[in-house]
Amino acid sequence: MVVATIFAGEVQVIGIQAEKSASITWEGNVATTSNKGGTFKFGTTDLPLDCVGELSDGVTTIDVVVFGCTTQQVISGGGVLKTGQTTCYDSDGNVIACAGTGQDGELQEGTARSYTDNGDGTITDNATGLIWEKLTDDGTIHDWNNSYTWEQAFQRIADLNTANFGGYSDWRLPNVNELQTLTDYGTFNPAVSAAFNSGDSFTQASFHWSSTSYAFPAFVWIVDVFDGNVLANRDTDSAIVRAVRGGS
């Protein structure tokens, strides 16, 4: 039995019935050693992007859900991404100097965004470790104008994996938390960083599917990339698909 929770900014993990005196790893890294009774406890700042950690005692490996992990833009090693907002406004919507306002545009808390174009149709988010499909304007399966129902979205992902796109066959539809990490709140139409909307990289300023179903039948969480709004949409409607892989 294992319990993992967020406490004081760390993931606190407590377990029993592990192998005795065994090295306990979390996300592939040694975290502690179990005692002679197979009990262990440790804290770590390694909070997985999907809020599910891989735990192993060298014999058995399990996935552990981290309770209390609800951050929308969790990054590897803990913390959140900068929102991208660098401007401050008064109550009338006028741009003002940020100093002393306490607004996000002044504080700019979080980890800086950083991306690498891999030259194979993919873009790596250096902060989260996620690798994203680069959408194009060439009429192929990657074209930014293609839209799909939610059911069709999963078939599109399957087609990418069959084609071994980018040399990988583990592409997936991003969950809503992963999808939100693309949002840059310092811009709009579309609200994404330039890496996803410049040169040969394109982004529709419209609804994008996540893999996360809504807590009401026939609805799914989406991100409106026009402004970064997150809302629920009928699964029979059409939206854009951007595949992802990797992460922590």
Protein backbone atom coordinates (compact mmCIF):
# COMPACT_ATOMS: atom_id res chain seq x y z
CA MET A 1 0.00 0.00 0.00
CA VAL A 2 1.29 3.45 -0.96
CA VAL A 3 -0.07 6.94 -0.35
CA ALA A 4 1.32 10.07 -2.02
CA THR A 5 0.13 13.59 -1.19
CA ILE A 6 1.20 17.21 -1.71
CA PHE A 7 2.42 18.79 1.54
CA ALA A 8 4.58 21.88 2.12
CA GLY A 9 5.45 22.09 -1.55
CA GLU A 10 6.67 18.50 -1.83
CA VAL A 11 5.31 15.10 -2.75
CA GLN A 12 5.18 13.09 0.48
CA VAL A 13 5.17 9.33 -0.12
CA ILE A 14 4.50 6.65 2.52
CA GLY A 15 4.46 2.92 1.76
CA ILE A 16 4.37 -0.51 3.33
CA GLN A 17 4.92 -4.09 2.15
CA ALA A 18 7.83 -3.22 -0.14
CA GLU A 19 10.84 -5.47 -0.53
CA LYS A 20 12.83 -5.39 2.71
CA SER A 21 15.89 -3.10 2.84
CA ALA A 22 15.39 -2.23 -0.83
CA SER A 23 16.23 0.93 -2.76
CA ILE A 24 12.97 2.73 -3.46
CA THR A 25 12.89 4.74 -6.67
CA TRP A 26 10.49 7.49 -7.65
CA GLU A 27 10.31 8.44 -11.34
CA GLY A 28 13.47 6.39 -11.92
CA ASN A 29 15.54 8.10 -9.20
CA VAL A 30 16.52 6.57 -5.84
CA ALA A 31 14.44 8.28 -3.15
CA THR A 32 15.05 6.21 -0.02
CA THR A 33 15.59 2.69 1.34
CA SER A 34 12.85 0.59 2.92
CA ASN A 35 13.41 -0.72 6.42
CA LYS A 36 13.62 -4.36 7.45
CA GLY A 37 9.84 -4.50 7.58
CA GLY A 38 9.38 -3.12 4.07
CA THR A 39 8.12 0.29 5.23
CA PHE A 40 9.39 3.55 3.73
CA LYS A 41 8.75 7.28 3.68
CA PHE A 42 10.25 10.14 1.68
CA GLY A 43 9.61 13.62 0.34
CA THR A 44 10.51 14.85 -3.15
CA THR A 45 10.02 17.91 -5.35
CA ASP A 46 9.78 15.66 -8.41
CA LEU A 47 6.08 16.14 -9.18
CA PRO A 48 5.11 14.39 -12.44
CA LEU A 49 3.31 16.44 -15.06
CA ASP A 50 0.33 14.06 -15.06
CA CYS A 51 0.27 13.82 -11.24
CA VAL A 52 1.05 10.08 -11.40
CA GLY A 53 4.46 8.90 -10.20
CA GLU A 54 6.31 5.68 -10.99
CA LEU A 55 7.41 3.91 -7.81
CA SER A 56 9.59 0.79 -7.63
CA ASP A 57 11.29 -1.37 -5.01
CA GLY A 58 13.37 -3.16 -7.64
CA VAL A 59 10.92 -6.04 -7.91
CA THR A 60 7.54 -4.41 -8.33
CA THR A 61 6.84 -1.15 -10.17
CA ILE A 62 3.54 0.69 -9.75
CA ASP A 63 1.94 3.98 -10.76
CA VAL A 64 0.97 6.16 -7.79
CA VAL A 65 -1.60 8.96 -8.03
CA VAL A 66 -0.47 12.07 -6.13
CA PHE A 67 -3.42 13.33 -4.11
CA GLY A 68 -3.82 17.10 -4.04
CA CYS A 69 -1.99 17.53 -7.33
CA THR A 70 -4.25 19.90 -9.25
CA THR A 71 -1.79 22.40 -10.68
CA GLN A 72 -2.59 23.09 -14.31
CA GLN A 73 0.98 23.78 -15.38
CA VAL A 74 3.16 21.49 -13.28
CA ILE A 75 6.70 21.17 -14.55
CA SER A 76 9.38 18.59 -13.92
CA GLY A 77 11.02 19.21 -10.56
CA GLY A 78 8.04 21.09 -9.16
CA GLY A 79 6.67 24.57 -9.66
CA VAL A 80 4.77 26.12 -12.55
CA LEU A 81 5.52 27.81 -15.84
CA LYS A 82 5.57 31.57 -16.24
CA THR A 83 2.23 32.62 -17.71
CA GLY A 84 3.83 34.77 -20.41
CA GLN A 85 2.09 37.93 -19.19
CA THR A 86 4.53 40.85 -18.88
CA THR A 87 2.11 43.80 -19.08
CA CYS A 88 0.07 45.49 -16.33
CA TYR A 89 -3.27 47.30 -16.60
CA ASP A 90 -5.44 49.59 -14.53
CA SER A 91 -9.14 48.99 -13.89
CA ASP A 92 -10.02 50.82 -17.13
CA GLY A 93 -7.80 48.57 -19.22
CA ASN A 94 -5.01 51.08 -19.72
CA VAL A 95 -1.40 49.88 -19.77
CA ILE A 96 0.46 51.08 -16.68
CA ALA A 97 3.90 50.68 -15.15
CA CYS A 98 4.09 47.32 -13.38
CA ALA A 99 6.26 48.36 -10.42
CA GLY A 100 4.38 48.01 -7.16
CA THR A 101 1.17 46.65 -8.68
CA GLY A 102 1.58 43.06 -7.51
CA GLN A 103 0.15 41.93 -10.82
CA ASP A 104 1.50 38.90 -12.63
CA GLY A 105 3.07 41.20 -15.20
CA GLU A 106 5.31 42.59 -12.46
CA LEU A 107 6.12 39.40 -10.54
CA GLN A 108 6.35 36.94 -13.46
CA GLU A 109 6.66 33.98 -11.12
CA GLY A 110 7.49 30.54 -12.44
CA THR A 111 9.93 28.80 -14.74
CA ALA A 112 10.79 30.47 -18.03
CA ARG A 113 9.41 28.93 -21.19
CA SER A 114 11.95 27.40 -23.55
CA TYR A 115 11.46 25.37 -26.73
CA THR A 116 13.61 23.46 -29.20
CA ASP A 117 12.58 22.72 -32.79
CA ASN A 118 13.90 19.20 -33.31
CA GLY A 119 13.91 19.47 -37.11
CA ASP A 120 11.75 16.35 -37.50
CA GLY A 121 8.29 17.87 -37.22
CA THR A 122 8.37 18.02 -33.43
CA ILE A 123 9.01 20.68 -30.77
CA THR A 124 10.40 19.96 -27.30
CA ASP A 125 9.23 21.99 -24.32
CA ASN A 126 12.46 22.22 -22.36
CA ALA A 127 10.65 23.10 -19.11
CA THR A 128 8.11 20.27 -19.02
CA GLY A 129 9.98 17.68 -21.09
CA LEU A 130 6.94 17.23 -23.33
CA ILE A 131 7.51 16.73 -27.05
CA TRP A 132 4.80 18.23 -29.26
CA GLU A 133 3.77 17.63 -32.83
CA LYS A 134 4.43 20.69 -34.98
CA LEU A 135 1.35 21.57 -37.04
CA THR A 136 1.98 22.58 -40.65
CA ASP A 137 0.30 24.16 -43.68
CA ASP A 138 0.98 21.41 -46.21
CA GLY A 139 -2.26 19.42 -46.55
CA THR A 140 -0.90 16.37 -44.70
CA ILE A 141 -2.16 14.74 -41.50
CA HIS A 142 -0.22 17.49 -39.66
CA ASP A 143 -2.06 20.36 -41.36
CA TRP A 144 -3.30 23.00 -38.91
CA ASN A 145 -6.65 23.24 -40.72
CA ASN A 146 -7.62 19.62 -40.04
CA SER A 147 -10.34 19.16 -37.43
CA TYR A 148 -11.80 16.03 -35.86
CA THR A 149 -14.48 14.76 -33.52
CA TRP A 150 -13.13 13.42 -30.23
CA GLU A 151 -13.45 9.83 -31.46
CA GLN A 152 -11.63 10.71 -34.68
CA ALA A 153 -8.91 12.43 -32.65
CA PHE A 154 -7.84 9.12 -31.12
CA GLN A 155 -7.75 7.50 -34.55
CA ARG A 156 -5.51 10.31 -35.78
CA ILE A 157 -3.13 9.61 -32.87
CA ALA A 158 -3.17 5.91 -33.79
CA ASP A 159 -2.27 6.83 -37.37
CA LEU A 160 0.73 8.86 -36.17
CA ASN A 161 1.93 5.91 -34.11
CA THR A 162 1.47 3.49 -37.01
CA ALA A 163 3.55 5.83 -39.17
CA ASN A 164 6.20 6.02 -36.42
CA PHE A 165 6.05 9.81 -36.67
CA GLY A 166 9.33 11.45 -35.68
CA GLY A 167 10.72 8.00 -34.94
CA TYR A 168 8.26 7.36 -32.09
CA SER A 169 5.16 5.25 -31.63
CA ASP A 170 4.00 6.50 -28.22
CA TRP A 171 2.14 9.65 -29.26
CA ARG A 172 -1.01 10.46 -27.33
CA LEU A 173 -3.75 13.05 -27.09
CA PRO A 174 -2.65 15.46 -24.31
CA ASN A 175 -4.65 15.63 -21.11
CA VAL A 176 -6.13 19.02 -20.26
CA ASN A 177 -3.29 19.94 -17.88
CA GLU A 178 -0.65 19.17 -20.50
CA LEU A 179 -2.58 21.09 -23.15
CA GLN A 180 -2.76 24.18 -20.94
CA THR A 181 1.04 24.35 -20.70
CA LEU A 182 1.02 25.60 -24.29
CA THR A 183 -1.00 28.68 -23.36
CA ASP A 184 0.92 31.97 -23.35
CA TYR A 185 -1.27 34.53 -21.56
CA GLY A 186 0.84 37.40 -22.81
CA THR A 187 -0.63 37.08 -26.29
CA PHE A 188 -3.81 35.94 -28.05
CA ASN A 189 -5.18 34.87 -31.43
CA PRO A 190 -3.51 32.45 -30.87
CA ALA A 191 -2.42 32.43 -27.23
CA VAL A 192 0.74 30.37 -27.75
CA SER A 193 4.46 31.04 -27.84
CA ALA A 194 6.11 31.89 -31.15
CA ALA A 195 7.61 28.38 -31.39
CA PHE A 196 4.12 27.12 -32.20
CA ASN A 197 3.05 29.94 -34.53
CA SER A 198 5.87 31.27 -36.67
CA GLY A 199 7.83 30.18 -39.73
CA ASP A 200 6.72 26.67 -40.67
CA SER A 201 4.90 26.14 -37.35
CA PHE A 202 1.17 26.91 -37.24
CA THR A 203 -1.60 27.07 -34.63
CA GLN A 204 -5.31 27.58 -35.15
CA ALA A 205 -6.80 30.14 -32.76
CA SER A 206 -9.65 27.76 -31.99
CA PHE A 207 -10.69 24.77 -29.88
CA HIS A 208 -8.10 22.02 -29.27
CA TRP A 209 -9.02 18.58 -27.92
CA SER A 210 -7.65 17.15 -24.70
CA SER A 211 -7.99 13.48 -23.72
CA THR A 212 -9.78 14.47 -20.50
CA SER A 213 -13.49 13.74 -20.36
CA TYR A 214 -15.81 16.11 -18.49
CA ALA A 215 -17.69 14.89 -15.40
CA PHE A 216 -20.87 14.90 -17.45
CA PRO A 217 -21.58 12.42 -20.28
CA ALA A 218 -20.70 13.36 -23.87
CA PHE A 219 -18.55 16.38 -22.96
CA VAL A 220 -14.75 16.76 -23.07
CA TRP A 221 -12.36 19.42 -21.77
CA ILE A 222 -10.86 21.59 -24.48
CA VAL A 223 -8.59 24.63 -24.62
CA ASP A 224 -9.66 27.57 -26.76
CA VAL A 225 -6.28 28.61 -28.11
CA PHE A 226 -7.65 32.00 -29.17
CA ASP A 227 -7.23 33.25 -25.60
CA GLY A 228 -6.37 30.21 -23.46
CA ASN A 229 -9.87 29.70 -22.11
CA VAL A 230 -10.61 26.19 -20.81
CA LEU A 231 -14.13 24.82 -21.24
CA ALA A 232 -16.15 21.71 -21.96
CA ASN A 233 -17.26 20.79 -25.48
CA ARG A 234 -19.49 18.08 -26.92
CA ASP A 235 -17.45 15.10 -28.08
CA THR A 236 -19.30 15.06 -31.42
CA ASP A 237 -18.17 18.61 -32.27
CA SER A 238 -14.95 19.21 -34.19
CA ALA A 239 -11.68 20.59 -32.85
CA ILE A 240 -7.97 20.64 -33.59
CA VAL A 241 -5.59 17.84 -32.51
CA ARG A 242 -1.95 18.31 -31.52
CA ALA A 243 -0.21 15.12 -30.41
CA VAL A 244 2.22 14.94 -27.50
CA ARG A 245 4.63 12.42 -26.01
CA GLY A 246 7.19 12.23 -23.23
CA GLY A 247 7.22 14.37 -20.14
CA SER A 248 8.29 13.49 -16.63
